[in-house]
Amino acid sequence: MIKLFIRVLGFILLPIIWTTEFAHAQVAANSLLSNQTTVSYRQNGIDFVIQQTLNISIDLVTCAPQITWSNQSVNYIPGQATNLTATLRSCANGLDSYTFNTQINSQTNNDGLGQVTSGANQTLNLGASVVLSQVAANELALPFDQVNDGFINGLAVGDTIEVNSEIRQIVALTDTVTNSSIVLDSDLTNAPTTGMAVVEIATLTFAVNPGVITDATVALTTDIQIQGLDSSGGETLSLATVSFLAGSAHVQKLMRNVTTILGHATATGETELTVNGQTQFYYDGNVVAAPDDVIEYIVSVENRGTAPLMQSILEEHVVTGEMDIIPIVSNIQAVLMYDSATWTYLSFTTSDRYQQQTNAVENREEILVDLGTGYTPGNGGEIAPGETWALVYRVRVQ
């Protein structure tokens, strides 16, 4: 007499769960789904067991990549290309090859000659897998991809990955049939569940020469499109407006005769200014002076652009033998500086912003003042968009 009992067991090496927003697949590519049949029976008092297993290898499910722009506002550098970047995320269930094509769709406030100068067409391979289990706070077990080559579905040591909305770097990897796992550079804050996607993140870098800016007081803009294609032709189009920002210095120099108002009889370009609490009239030309008259100059630098003016230095020259630079009040109150908010006296001897020197070769006296915030002596500082810095100094006519 034979008693027959049949069991069919399905061993799925990975639960069919995919919880991230990037993926449409359910299991990792190249992992195995095993289905086992067991037949047991008894004959003549002896137990017999027959088992048979069939494996199904999971295919790659492609998915168009996710593209996120990294920098959409950059400084304009005349005649030079600027590197721009975008972040790429895989959303397949394994290693896939992606093609990226970058082009300028439109451009404003330039000569119309902006172009992508390098990196316009690139191909990148991005890996992906899923969580089998969490071995430790910084270690994840992944399904074995059936190839012992030091990669797990394209993931390798040094790759940046995202799992459960956290970004980490792979610092160690084991790729064997009995141990397929990755070690991350730091602990995960939240424990990922089985089946969560582990996707590679990469950076797409390309260079854009924006052309020649037309009006530096407004941004030069380019509409740039990145087309991302997976190996099956799935497409992502990402469009962003990139602003190239430039500083624009507007310099105004005016003067007045401090000794006598008669020196202004034929003066031109009258402008009323309040300097250090006192309102005076200044002129841009035809001021008359006699020997020993004192002339006061005011020089203002306004940033009318959209980016900071860097390493800003104001330099004034006075011809030796014609005029002498004299302090406004004393050597401690030699010149007046306006920092876009307040007036401050700078000293001949103690201020590291202010230098006065003789240039014998050019036969002149020179005043050098570091304008802007964050300055270093002799190298200038930063004048932000919309800020005005000014210098007031005096000379005596010889």
Protein backbone atom coordinates (compact mmCIF):
# COMPACT_ATOMS: atom_id res chain seq x y z
CA MET A 1 0.00 0.00 0.00
CA ILE A 2 1.29 3.41 -0.97
CA LYS A 3 0.29 6.59 0.83
CA LEU A 4 1.08 9.66 -1.23
CA PHE A 5 1.38 13.24 0.02
CA ILE A 6 2.36 16.08 -2.28
CA ARG A 7 3.49 19.53 -1.14
CA VAL A 8 4.19 22.44 -3.42
CA LEU A 9 6.28 25.16 -1.80
CA GLY A 10 7.03 28.48 -3.40
CA PHE A 11 10.25 30.06 -2.14
CA ILE A 12 10.48 33.64 -3.26
CA LEU A 13 13.87 35.01 -2.47
CA LEU A 14 12.47 38.52 -2.19
CA PRO A 15 8.99 39.63 -1.14
CA ILE A 16 7.13 41.38 -3.93
CA ILE A 17 7.20 44.88 -2.46
CA TRP A 18 8.63 48.11 -3.90
CA THR A 19 7.86 51.11 -1.82
CA THR A 20 9.88 54.01 -3.21
CA GLU A 21 8.49 56.64 -5.51
CA PHE A 22 11.13 55.90 -8.15
CA ALA A 23 10.36 52.34 -9.08
CA HIS A 24 7.79 50.37 -10.96
CA ALA A 25 9.48 47.00 -10.55
CA GLN A 26 8.74 44.69 -7.61
CA VAL A 27 11.86 42.57 -7.18
CA ALA A 28 15.54 43.01 -7.94
CA ALA A 29 16.75 42.07 -11.39
CA ASN A 30 18.70 38.78 -11.66
CA SER A 31 17.34 37.50 -8.35
CA LEU A 32 15.74 34.04 -8.30
CA LEU A 33 12.15 33.06 -7.56
CA SER A 34 12.20 29.42 -6.53
CA ASN A 35 9.24 27.03 -6.64
CA GLN A 36 9.74 23.66 -4.94
CA THR A 37 7.57 20.55 -5.18
CA THR A 38 7.90 17.80 -2.55
CA VAL A 39 6.37 14.34 -3.01
CA SER A 40 6.47 12.06 0.05
CA TYR A 41 5.10 8.56 0.24
CA ARG A 42 5.40 5.33 2.22
CA GLN A 43 5.90 1.89 0.75
CA ASN A 44 6.42 -1.31 2.64
CA GLY A 45 7.07 0.65 5.85
CA ILE A 46 9.66 2.85 4.25
CA ASP A 47 9.26 6.65 3.82
CA PHE A 48 10.30 8.20 0.54
CA VAL A 49 10.68 11.92 -0.36
CA ILE A 50 11.16 13.33 -3.84
CA GLN A 51 11.79 17.04 -4.34
CA GLN A 52 12.01 19.13 -7.47
CA THR A 53 12.79 22.89 -7.68
CA LEU A 54 12.26 25.28 -10.55
CA ASN A 55 13.89 28.74 -10.54
CA ILE A 56 12.74 31.88 -12.31
CA SER A 57 15.30 34.64 -12.90
CA ILE A 58 13.86 38.14 -12.66
CA ASP A 59 14.42 40.33 -15.70
CA LEU A 60 15.43 44.00 -15.72
CA VAL A 61 12.48 46.37 -15.59
CA THR A 62 13.61 49.69 -17.06
CA CYS A 63 12.42 53.08 -15.90
CA ALA A 64 13.22 56.59 -17.13
CA PRO A 65 15.65 58.31 -14.70
CA GLN A 66 14.71 61.04 -12.28
CA ILE A 67 16.57 64.34 -12.91
CA THR A 68 16.96 67.09 -10.31
CA TRP A 69 18.77 70.34 -11.07
CA SER A 70 21.57 71.27 -8.67
CA ASN A 71 22.47 74.88 -9.52
CA GLN A 72 20.11 77.27 -11.30
CA SER A 73 21.85 80.52 -10.33
CA VAL A 74 25.55 80.99 -11.13
CA ASN A 75 27.99 83.86 -11.58
CA TYR A 76 28.58 85.14 -15.07
CA ILE A 77 32.22 84.98 -16.17
CA PRO A 78 32.84 86.87 -19.43
CA GLY A 79 34.10 84.61 -22.19
CA GLN A 80 34.13 81.48 -20.05
CA ALA A 81 31.96 78.40 -19.79
CA THR A 82 30.46 77.44 -16.43
CA ASN A 83 30.00 73.87 -15.19
CA LEU A 84 26.40 73.03 -14.33
CA THR A 85 25.21 69.86 -12.62
CA ALA A 86 22.08 67.79 -12.22
CA THR A 87 21.43 64.87 -9.86
CA LEU A 88 20.36 61.59 -11.47
CA ARG A 89 18.43 58.79 -9.76
CA SER A 90 17.90 55.32 -11.10
CA CYS A 91 14.40 53.89 -10.79
CA ALA A 92 14.92 50.51 -12.46
CA ASN A 93 15.20 47.26 -10.52
CA GLY A 94 18.81 46.65 -11.57
CA LEU A 95 21.73 47.92 -13.61
CA ASP A 96 20.65 49.99 -16.60
CA SER A 97 22.36 52.27 -19.11
CA TYR A 98 21.01 55.81 -19.44
CA THR A 99 21.60 58.37 -22.17
CA PHE A 100 21.46 62.10 -21.43
CA ASN A 101 21.19 64.82 -24.07
CA THR A 102 21.48 68.47 -22.99
CA GLN A 103 20.59 71.51 -25.08
CA ILE A 104 19.68 75.20 -24.76
CA ASN A 105 16.10 75.86 -25.82
CA SER A 106 16.06 79.65 -25.41
CA GLN A 107 18.20 82.49 -24.04
CA THR A 108 17.68 86.13 -23.07
CA ASN A 109 19.84 89.19 -22.34
CA ASN A 110 22.79 87.97 -24.39
CA ASP A 111 24.09 87.91 -27.95
CA GLY A 112 22.16 84.72 -28.72
CA LEU A 113 25.32 82.63 -28.93
CA GLY A 114 25.03 80.66 -25.69
CA GLN A 115 25.79 76.97 -26.12
CA VAL A 116 26.55 73.73 -24.30
CA THR A 117 30.30 73.44 -24.84
CA SER A 118 30.96 70.03 -23.26
CA GLY A 119 29.01 67.12 -21.83
CA ALA A 120 26.02 67.61 -24.13
CA ASN A 121 25.69 63.87 -24.81
CA GLN A 122 26.59 61.37 -22.12
CA THR A 123 25.89 57.75 -21.21
CA LEU A 124 25.91 56.65 -17.58
CA ASN A 125 25.31 53.25 -15.99
CA LEU A 126 23.30 53.30 -12.75
CA GLY A 127 22.76 50.34 -10.46
CA ALA A 128 19.78 49.42 -8.29
CA SER A 129 18.52 46.64 -6.03
CA VAL A 130 16.16 46.14 -3.09
CA VAL A 131 16.54 45.52 0.62
CA LEU A 132 16.45 41.87 1.59
CA SER A 133 17.05 42.61 5.28
CA GLN A 134 18.90 45.02 7.54
CA VAL A 135 21.98 43.32 8.97
CA ALA A 136 23.11 46.31 11.04
CA ALA A 137 22.35 50.02 11.28
CA ASN A 138 24.76 50.64 8.41
CA GLU A 139 24.60 47.29 6.61
CA LEU A 140 21.97 45.89 4.25
CA ALA A 141 21.56 42.44 2.76
CA LEU A 142 20.58 42.51 -0.91
CA PRO A 143 19.48 39.71 -3.27
CA PHE A 144 22.39 37.91 -4.97
CA ASP A 145 22.52 38.86 -8.66
CA GLN A 146 23.90 35.43 -9.71
CA VAL A 147 27.30 36.83 -10.71
CA ASN A 148 30.22 36.99 -8.29
CA ASP A 149 31.99 40.02 -9.83
CA GLY A 150 32.26 42.56 -7.01
CA PHE A 151 29.07 44.33 -8.07
CA ILE A 152 25.47 43.84 -6.96
CA ASN A 153 23.21 44.76 -9.85
CA GLY A 154 25.64 47.51 -10.81
CA LEU A 155 26.15 48.83 -7.27
CA ALA A 156 29.81 49.14 -6.27
CA VAL A 157 32.03 50.47 -3.51
CA GLY A 158 32.15 54.27 -3.72
CA ASP A 159 28.68 54.63 -5.23
CA THR A 160 26.16 57.02 -3.71
CA ILE A 161 22.80 55.39 -3.07
CA GLU A 162 19.39 56.36 -1.72
CA VAL A 163 17.35 54.04 0.46
CA ASN A 164 14.24 54.99 2.43
CA SER A 165 14.81 58.67 1.46
CA GLU A 166 18.29 58.67 3.03
CA ILE A 167 21.46 59.21 1.01
CA ARG A 168 24.59 57.25 1.86
CA GLN A 169 27.81 56.02 0.25
CA ILE A 170 28.79 52.37 -0.11
CA VAL A 171 32.11 51.77 1.67
CA ALA A 172 32.24 47.95 1.51
CA LEU A 173 30.49 45.26 -0.50
CA THR A 174 30.27 41.47 -0.37
CA ASP A 175 29.08 39.65 -3.47
CA THR A 176 28.65 35.92 -2.92
CA VAL A 177 25.70 33.54 -3.14
CA THR A 178 25.71 33.15 0.64
CA ASN A 179 26.40 36.79 1.51
CA SER A 180 25.28 39.62 -0.75
CA SER A 181 25.45 42.84 1.24
CA ILE A 182 26.59 46.47 1.34
CA VAL A 183 28.09 48.52 4.18
CA LEU A 184 27.25 52.24 4.27
CA ASP A 185 29.37 55.18 5.45
CA SER A 186 26.98 55.94 8.33
CA ASP A 187 24.01 54.46 10.14
CA LEU A 188 20.55 54.78 8.64
CA THR A 189 18.23 56.92 10.72
CA ASN A 190 15.16 54.86 9.92
CA ALA A 191 15.27 51.12 9.38
CA PRO A 192 14.28 50.19 5.82
CA THR A 193 11.79 47.40 5.36
CA THR A 194 12.21 44.38 3.14
CA GLY A 195 11.63 45.24 -0.49
CA MET A 196 12.54 48.92 -0.30
CA ALA A 197 14.48 50.21 -3.29
CA VAL A 198 18.22 50.82 -3.14
CA VAL A 199 18.95 53.15 -6.08
CA GLU A 200 22.19 54.70 -7.28
CA ILE A 201 22.54 58.48 -7.43
CA ALA A 202 25.02 60.11 -9.81
CA THR A 203 25.92 63.62 -10.95
CA LEU A 204 25.60 64.80 -14.54
CA THR A 205 28.10 67.59 -15.27
CA PHE A 206 28.10 69.72 -18.40
CA ALA A 207 29.50 73.12 -19.37
CA VAL A 208 27.57 76.09 -20.74
CA ASN A 209 29.02 79.22 -22.29
CA PRO A 210 26.16 81.73 -21.87
CA GLY A 211 27.41 84.13 -24.54
CA VAL A 212 27.98 87.85 -24.05
CA ILE A 213 25.68 89.56 -21.58
CA THR A 214 23.73 92.53 -22.94
CA ASP A 215 22.69 94.34 -19.73
CA ALA A 216 24.64 93.50 -16.58
CA THR A 217 21.99 95.07 -14.36
CA VAL A 218 19.69 92.08 -15.01
CA ALA A 219 20.37 88.37 -15.17
CA LEU A 220 21.28 86.55 -18.36
CA THR A 221 18.94 83.56 -18.54
CA THR A 222 19.07 80.30 -20.48
CA ASP A 223 16.35 77.66 -20.67
CA ILE A 224 18.21 74.34 -20.64
CA GLN A 225 16.65 70.95 -21.32
CA ILE A 226 18.02 67.57 -20.25
CA GLN A 227 16.58 64.52 -21.97
CA GLY A 228 17.12 61.26 -20.07
CA LEU A 229 16.53 57.92 -21.81
CA ASP A 230 16.66 54.43 -20.31
CA SER A 231 17.79 51.41 -22.33
CA SER A 232 14.22 50.75 -23.48
CA GLY A 233 13.64 54.30 -24.70
CA GLY A 234 11.69 55.50 -21.66
CA GLU A 235 12.07 59.27 -21.57
CA THR A 236 12.37 61.98 -18.93
CA LEU A 237 12.49 65.65 -19.96
CA SER A 238 13.77 68.12 -17.36
CA LEU A 239 13.70 71.84 -18.17
CA ALA A 240 15.21 74.56 -16.00
CA THR A 241 15.94 78.25 -16.33
CA VAL A 242 19.54 78.95 -15.33
CA SER A 243 20.38 82.54 -14.38
CA PHE A 244 23.88 83.89 -14.97
CA LEU A 245 24.43 86.77 -12.55
CA ALA A 246 26.88 89.62 -13.05
CA GLY A 247 27.97 92.55 -10.94
CA SER A 248 27.74 95.99 -12.54
CA ALA A 249 29.74 98.85 -11.02
CA HIS A 250 28.39 102.38 -11.45
CA VAL A 251 31.07 104.91 -10.46
CA GLN A 252 30.34 108.59 -9.84
CA LYS A 253 32.97 111.21 -8.97
CA LEU A 254 32.00 114.71 -7.83
CA MET A 255 33.83 117.63 -6.22
CA ARG A 256 33.35 120.96 -4.44
CA ASN A 257 35.51 123.92 -3.42
CA VAL A 258 35.56 123.86 0.38
CA THR A 259 37.34 127.22 0.66
CA THR A 260 34.93 129.41 -1.32
CA ILE A 261 31.55 128.97 -3.02
CA LEU A 262 32.83 131.34 -5.71
CA GLY A 263 34.58 128.33 -7.14
CA HIS A 264 31.16 126.98 -8.13
CA ALA A 265 30.07 129.96 -10.24
CA THR A 266 30.52 128.11 -13.51
CA ALA A 267 30.40 124.56 -12.14
CA THR A 268 28.27 121.93 -13.91
CA GLY A 269 26.28 118.87 -12.84
CA GLU A 270 25.13 120.15 -9.46
CA THR A 271 24.12 117.34 -7.10
CA GLU A 272 22.92 117.70 -3.53
CA LEU A 273 24.35 115.09 -1.18
CA THR A 274 24.27 114.51 2.57
CA VAL A 275 27.68 113.44 3.75
CA ASN A 276 28.14 112.44 7.38
CA GLY A 277 25.05 114.42 8.37
CA GLN A 278 25.88 117.57 6.42
CA THR A 279 24.16 118.50 3.16
CA GLN A 280 26.37 120.01 0.47
CA PHE A 281 26.31 120.68 -3.26
CA TYR A 282 28.81 118.79 -5.40
CA TYR A 283 29.64 119.16 -9.10
CA ASP A 284 30.98 117.03 -11.92
CA GLY A 285 32.97 119.74 -13.73
CA ASN A 286 34.21 123.34 -14.10
CA VAL A 287 34.95 123.93 -10.41
CA VAL A 288 37.44 126.81 -10.12
CA ALA A 289 40.21 126.92 -7.49
CA ALA A 290 42.97 129.33 -6.49
CA PRO A 291 46.30 128.37 -4.89
CA ASP A 292 45.79 127.12 -1.33
CA ASP A 293 42.09 126.38 -1.94
CA VAL A 294 40.85 123.05 -0.56
CA ILE A 295 38.94 120.76 -2.91
CA GLU A 296 36.81 117.90 -1.61
CA TYR A 297 36.16 114.86 -3.78
CA ILE A 298 33.48 112.21 -3.29
CA VAL A 299 33.69 108.95 -5.24
CA SER A 300 30.84 106.46 -5.02
CA VAL A 301 30.70 102.88 -6.26
CA GLU A 302 27.24 101.38 -6.65
CA ASN A 303 26.63 97.76 -7.57
CA ARG A 304 23.69 97.87 -9.99
CA GLY A 305 24.13 94.25 -11.03
CA THR A 306 22.78 90.92 -9.81
CA ALA A 307 25.98 89.43 -8.36
CA PRO A 308 28.54 90.76 -5.84
CA LEU A 309 31.51 92.86 -6.92
CA MET A 310 34.49 90.94 -5.57
CA GLN A 311 37.93 92.23 -4.45
CA SER A 312 36.71 95.83 -4.71
CA ILE A 313 39.46 98.45 -4.37
CA LEU A 314 39.15 102.20 -4.91
CA GLU A 315 42.33 103.89 -6.10
CA GLU A 316 42.77 107.67 -6.39
CA HIS A 317 45.75 109.50 -7.96
CA VAL A 318 46.91 113.01 -7.20
CA VAL A 319 49.71 114.52 -9.33
CA THR A 320 52.74 115.48 -7.26
CA GLY A 321 53.47 119.21 -7.38
CA GLU A 322 49.90 120.18 -8.26
CA MET A 323 47.89 119.12 -5.20
CA ASP A 324 48.61 117.74 -1.76
CA ILE A 325 46.40 115.18 -0.05
CA ILE A 326 45.32 116.58 3.31
CA PRO A 327 43.23 115.07 6.13
CA ILE A 328 39.59 116.07 6.45
CA VAL A 329 40.03 116.76 10.17
CA SER A 330 43.26 115.18 11.37
CA ASN A 331 45.47 112.20 10.68
CA ILE A 332 43.05 110.15 12.77
CA GLN A 333 40.17 111.47 10.63
CA ALA A 334 41.93 111.45 7.29
CA VAL A 335 39.19 110.35 4.88
CA LEU A 336 35.52 109.44 5.12
CA MET A 337 34.17 106.11 3.95
CA TYR A 338 30.52 105.16 3.45
CA ASP A 339 29.77 101.43 3.82
CA SER A 340 26.23 101.52 2.38
CA ALA A 341 24.87 102.27 5.85
CA THR A 342 27.11 104.59 7.89
CA TRP A 343 29.97 107.06 7.47
CA THR A 344 33.28 106.21 9.11
CA TYR A 345 36.56 108.11 9.35
CA LEU A 346 39.63 106.18 8.26
CA SER A 347 43.02 107.01 9.74
CA PHE A 348 46.24 107.62 7.86
CA THR A 349 48.10 105.47 10.36
CA THR A 350 45.75 102.93 11.95
CA SER A 351 43.19 101.78 9.39
CA ASP A 352 44.14 98.61 7.50
CA ARG A 353 41.57 99.53 4.82
CA TYR A 354 43.37 102.71 3.91
CA GLN A 355 46.77 103.18 2.30
CA GLN A 356 48.48 106.35 1.08
CA GLN A 357 51.70 106.06 -0.85
CA THR A 358 54.02 107.91 -3.21
CA ASN A 359 54.56 106.59 -6.70
CA ALA A 360 57.80 108.25 -7.81
CA VAL A 361 57.77 106.56 -11.20
CA GLU A 362 54.38 108.00 -12.11
CA ASN A 363 55.01 111.25 -10.15
CA ARG A 364 51.86 110.99 -8.07
CA GLU A 365 50.40 110.39 -4.64
CA GLU A 366 48.04 107.40 -4.40
CA ILE A 367 45.11 106.59 -2.13
CA LEU A 368 43.98 102.97 -1.98
CA VAL A 369 40.89 101.90 -0.02
CA ASP A 370 39.49 98.38 0.35
CA LEU A 371 35.76 98.60 -0.25
CA GLY A 372 33.15 96.02 0.66
CA THR A 373 32.59 93.50 3.41
CA GLY A 374 34.89 90.60 4.20
CA TYR A 375 37.90 92.49 2.87
CA THR A 376 41.53 91.60 3.34
CA PRO A 377 44.01 94.51 3.39
CA GLY A 378 45.17 95.30 -0.11
CA ASN A 379 42.81 92.79 -1.74
CA GLY A 380 39.44 94.48 -1.33
CA GLY A 381 36.07 93.11 -0.29
CA GLU A 382 32.60 92.29 -1.59
CA ILE A 383 29.99 94.85 -2.61
CA ALA A 384 26.59 93.19 -2.70
CA PRO A 385 23.97 93.98 -5.35
CA GLY A 386 22.21 97.24 -4.48
CA GLU A 387 24.96 98.47 -2.16
CA THR A 388 26.80 101.78 -2.53
CA TRP A 389 30.21 102.46 -1.01
CA ALA A 390 31.83 105.89 -1.14
CA LEU A 391 35.02 107.73 -0.25
CA VAL A 392 35.45 111.42 0.60
CA TYR A 393 38.92 112.98 0.66
CA ARG A 394 40.48 116.44 0.36
CA VAL A 395 43.42 118.03 -1.46
CA ARG A 396 45.03 121.48 -1.28
CA VAL A 397 45.94 123.25 -4.52
CA GLN A 398 49.63 124.18 -4.56
